[in-house]
């Protein structure tokens, strides 16, 4: 995992430079929007196993 951490760590500096060149002072707004989108994505992935577990329990109850 050490190599992955280095790649991601170096990549964030490159992304910040590219975003600063395009967005200028609105750079922080774009990062906040990205963080909100990432939060919603994480929440949907967190809810998915729970829904699958409920569906599996219903299926097992009906078929056994």
N, C-alpha and C. Protein backbone atom coordinates (compact mmCIF):
# COMPACT_ATOMS: atom_id res chain seq x y z
N UNK A 1 0.82 -1.20 0.00
CA UNK A 1 0.00 0.00 0.00
C UNK A 1 0.85 1.26 0.00
N UNK A 2 2.11 1.14 0.32
CA UNK A 2 2.97 2.31 0.38
C UNK A 2 3.11 2.96 -0.99
N UNK A 3 3.22 2.15 -2.03
CA UNK A 3 3.34 2.69 -3.38
C UNK A 3 2.09 3.41 -3.83
N UNK A 4 0.93 2.87 -3.50
CA UNK A 4 -0.34 3.49 -3.86
C UNK A 4 -0.47 4.84 -3.15
N UNK A 5 -0.06 4.90 -1.89
CA UNK A 5 -0.13 6.16 -1.16
C UNK A 5 0.75 7.22 -1.80
N UNK A 6 1.92 6.83 -2.24
CA UNK A 6 2.81 7.81 -2.88
C UNK A 6 2.24 8.31 -4.20
N UNK A 7 1.65 7.41 -4.97
CA UNK A 7 1.08 7.80 -6.25
C UNK A 7 -0.08 8.76 -6.05
N UNK A 8 -0.97 8.43 -5.12
CA UNK A 8 -2.12 9.30 -4.85
C UNK A 8 -1.67 10.63 -4.24
N UNK A 9 -0.68 10.58 -3.37
CA UNK A 9 -0.18 11.81 -2.75
C UNK A 9 0.44 12.75 -3.76
N UNK A 10 1.22 12.21 -4.68
CA UNK A 10 1.82 13.05 -5.72
C UNK A 10 0.77 13.54 -6.71
N UNK A 11 -0.22 12.72 -6.97
CA UNK A 11 -1.27 13.09 -7.92
C UNK A 11 -2.10 14.26 -7.47
N UNK A 12 -2.32 14.41 -6.17
CA UNK A 12 -3.14 15.51 -5.68
C UNK A 12 -2.46 16.85 -5.95
N UNK A 13 -1.14 16.89 -5.89
CA UNK A 13 -0.44 18.15 -6.17
C UNK A 13 -0.55 18.52 -7.65
N UNK A 14 -0.53 17.54 -8.50
CA UNK A 14 -0.68 17.81 -9.94
C UNK A 14 -2.09 18.30 -10.23
N UNK A 15 -3.08 17.68 -9.59
CA UNK A 15 -4.47 18.08 -9.80
C UNK A 15 -4.71 19.50 -9.30
N UNK A 16 -4.13 19.84 -8.14
CA UNK A 16 -4.32 21.19 -7.61
C UNK A 16 -3.74 22.22 -8.57
N UNK A 17 -2.58 21.93 -9.15
CA UNK A 17 -1.98 22.86 -10.11
C UNK A 17 -2.83 23.04 -11.35
N UNK A 18 -3.36 21.94 -11.88
CA UNK A 18 -4.21 22.03 -13.07
C UNK A 18 -5.51 22.78 -12.78
N UNK A 19 -6.11 22.49 -11.63
CA UNK A 19 -7.37 23.15 -11.27
C UNK A 19 -7.14 24.64 -11.03
N UNK A 20 -6.04 25.00 -10.40
CA UNK A 20 -5.75 26.41 -10.14
C UNK A 20 -5.57 27.17 -11.44
N UNK A 21 -5.00 26.52 -12.44
CA UNK A 21 -4.82 27.19 -13.72
C UNK A 21 -6.15 27.43 -14.43
N UNK A 22 -7.09 26.52 -14.27
CA UNK A 22 -8.38 26.63 -14.95
C UNK A 22 -9.38 27.45 -14.14
N UNK A 23 -9.53 27.13 -12.86
CA UNK A 23 -10.61 27.71 -12.07
C UNK A 23 -10.20 29.00 -11.36
N UNK A 24 -8.93 29.19 -11.12
CA UNK A 24 -8.49 30.40 -10.43
C UNK A 24 -8.97 30.42 -8.98
N UNK A 25 -9.61 31.52 -8.59
CA UNK A 25 -10.07 31.66 -7.21
C UNK A 25 -11.24 30.75 -6.87
N UNK A 26 -11.93 30.24 -7.85
CA UNK A 26 -13.06 29.35 -7.61
C UNK A 26 -12.62 27.90 -7.39
N UNK A 27 -11.32 27.70 -7.24
CA UNK A 27 -10.78 26.35 -7.07
C UNK A 27 -11.38 25.66 -5.85
N UNK A 28 -11.53 26.37 -4.75
CA UNK A 28 -12.03 25.75 -3.53
C UNK A 28 -13.49 25.36 -3.67
N UNK A 29 -14.24 26.10 -4.45
CA UNK A 29 -15.63 25.74 -4.69
C UNK A 29 -15.70 24.41 -5.42
N UNK A 30 -14.83 24.23 -6.40
CA UNK A 30 -14.83 22.97 -7.14
C UNK A 30 -14.44 21.80 -6.26
N UNK A 31 -13.51 22.01 -5.33
CA UNK A 31 -13.14 20.93 -4.41
C UNK A 31 -14.27 20.61 -3.44
N UNK A 32 -15.00 21.61 -3.00
CA UNK A 32 -16.14 21.36 -2.11
C UNK A 32 -17.23 20.58 -2.84
N UNK A 33 -17.49 20.96 -4.08
CA UNK A 33 -18.48 20.23 -4.88
C UNK A 33 -18.04 18.78 -5.08
N UNK A 34 -16.77 18.59 -5.35
CA UNK A 34 -16.25 17.23 -5.52
C UNK A 34 -16.36 16.42 -4.23
N UNK A 35 -16.12 17.07 -3.09
CA UNK A 35 -16.23 16.38 -1.81
C UNK A 35 -17.67 15.96 -1.53
N UNK A 36 -18.63 16.81 -1.88
CA UNK A 36 -20.04 16.48 -1.67
C UNK A 36 -20.43 15.30 -2.56
N UNK A 37 -19.99 15.31 -3.79
CA UNK A 37 -20.28 14.20 -4.70
C UNK A 37 -19.65 12.91 -4.18
N UNK A 38 -18.41 12.99 -3.68
CA UNK A 38 -17.74 11.81 -3.13
C UNK A 38 -18.48 11.30 -1.89
N UNK A 39 -19.00 12.21 -1.08
CA UNK A 39 -19.76 11.82 0.11
C UNK A 39 -21.03 11.06 -0.28
N UNK A 40 -21.78 11.57 -1.26
CA UNK A 40 -22.98 10.88 -1.71
C UNK A 40 -22.65 9.51 -2.30
N UNK A 41 -21.54 9.42 -3.02
CA UNK A 41 -21.13 8.14 -3.58
C UNK A 41 -20.79 7.15 -2.47
N UNK A 42 -20.07 7.61 -1.45
CA UNK A 42 -19.71 6.74 -0.33
C UNK A 42 -20.96 6.28 0.42
N UNK A 43 -21.91 7.18 0.61
CA UNK A 43 -23.13 6.80 1.31
C UNK A 43 -23.95 5.78 0.52
N UNK A 44 -23.98 5.92 -0.80
CA UNK A 44 -24.73 4.96 -1.59
C UNK A 44 -24.05 3.59 -1.59
N UNK A 45 -22.72 3.57 -1.62
CA UNK A 45 -22.01 2.29 -1.52
C UNK A 45 -22.17 1.68 -0.14
N UNK A 46 -22.30 2.49 0.89
CA UNK A 46 -22.50 1.97 2.24
C UNK A 46 -23.89 1.38 2.40
N UNK A 47 -24.88 1.94 1.72
CA UNK A 47 -26.25 1.45 1.83
C UNK A 47 -26.51 0.21 0.98
N UNK A 48 -25.70 0.01 -0.05
CA UNK A 48 -25.92 -1.10 -0.96
C UNK A 48 -25.86 -2.47 -0.27
N UNK A 49 -24.85 -2.79 0.54
CA UNK A 49 -24.83 -4.11 1.19
C UNK A 49 -26.03 -4.34 2.10
N UNK A 50 -26.49 -3.30 2.75
CA UNK A 50 -27.65 -3.45 3.62
C UNK A 50 -28.88 -3.83 2.80
N UNK A 51 -29.08 -3.19 1.67
CA UNK A 51 -30.21 -3.52 0.82
C UNK A 51 -30.10 -4.94 0.27
N UNK A 52 -28.89 -5.32 -0.12
CA UNK A 52 -28.70 -6.68 -0.63
C UNK A 52 -28.96 -7.72 0.46
N UNK A 53 -28.54 -7.41 1.68
CA UNK A 53 -28.77 -8.34 2.78
C UNK A 53 -30.27 -8.49 3.05
N UNK A 54 -31.01 -7.40 3.01
CA UNK A 54 -32.45 -7.49 3.22
C UNK A 54 -33.13 -8.30 2.12
N UNK A 55 -32.72 -8.10 0.89
CA UNK A 55 -33.30 -8.86 -0.22
C UNK A 55 -32.97 -10.34 -0.09
N UNK A 56 -31.74 -10.66 0.34
CA UNK A 56 -31.35 -12.06 0.52
C UNK A 56 -32.16 -12.70 1.64
N UNK A 57 -32.37 -11.98 2.72
CA UNK A 57 -33.17 -12.53 3.82
C UNK A 57 -34.60 -12.80 3.37
N UNK A 58 -35.19 -11.90 2.60
CA UNK A 58 -36.54 -12.12 2.09
C UNK A 58 -36.59 -13.32 1.16
N UNK A 59 -35.60 -13.45 0.31
CA UNK A 59 -35.57 -14.57 -0.64
C UNK A 59 -35.42 -15.89 0.11
N UNK A 60 -34.51 -15.93 1.10
CA UNK A 60 -34.31 -17.16 1.86
C UNK A 60 -35.57 -17.52 2.66
N UNK A 61 -36.25 -16.54 3.19
CA UNK A 61 -37.47 -16.81 3.96
C UNK A 61 -38.56 -17.36 3.05
N UNK A 62 -38.67 -16.87 1.84
CA UNK A 62 -39.72 -17.34 0.93
C UNK A 62 -39.41 -18.69 0.30
N UNK A 63 -38.15 -19.04 0.15
CA UNK A 63 -37.79 -20.26 -0.56
C UNK A 63 -37.38 -21.40 0.36
N UNK A 64 -37.45 -21.21 1.67
CA UNK A 64 -37.10 -22.31 2.57
C UNK A 64 -38.18 -22.57 3.55
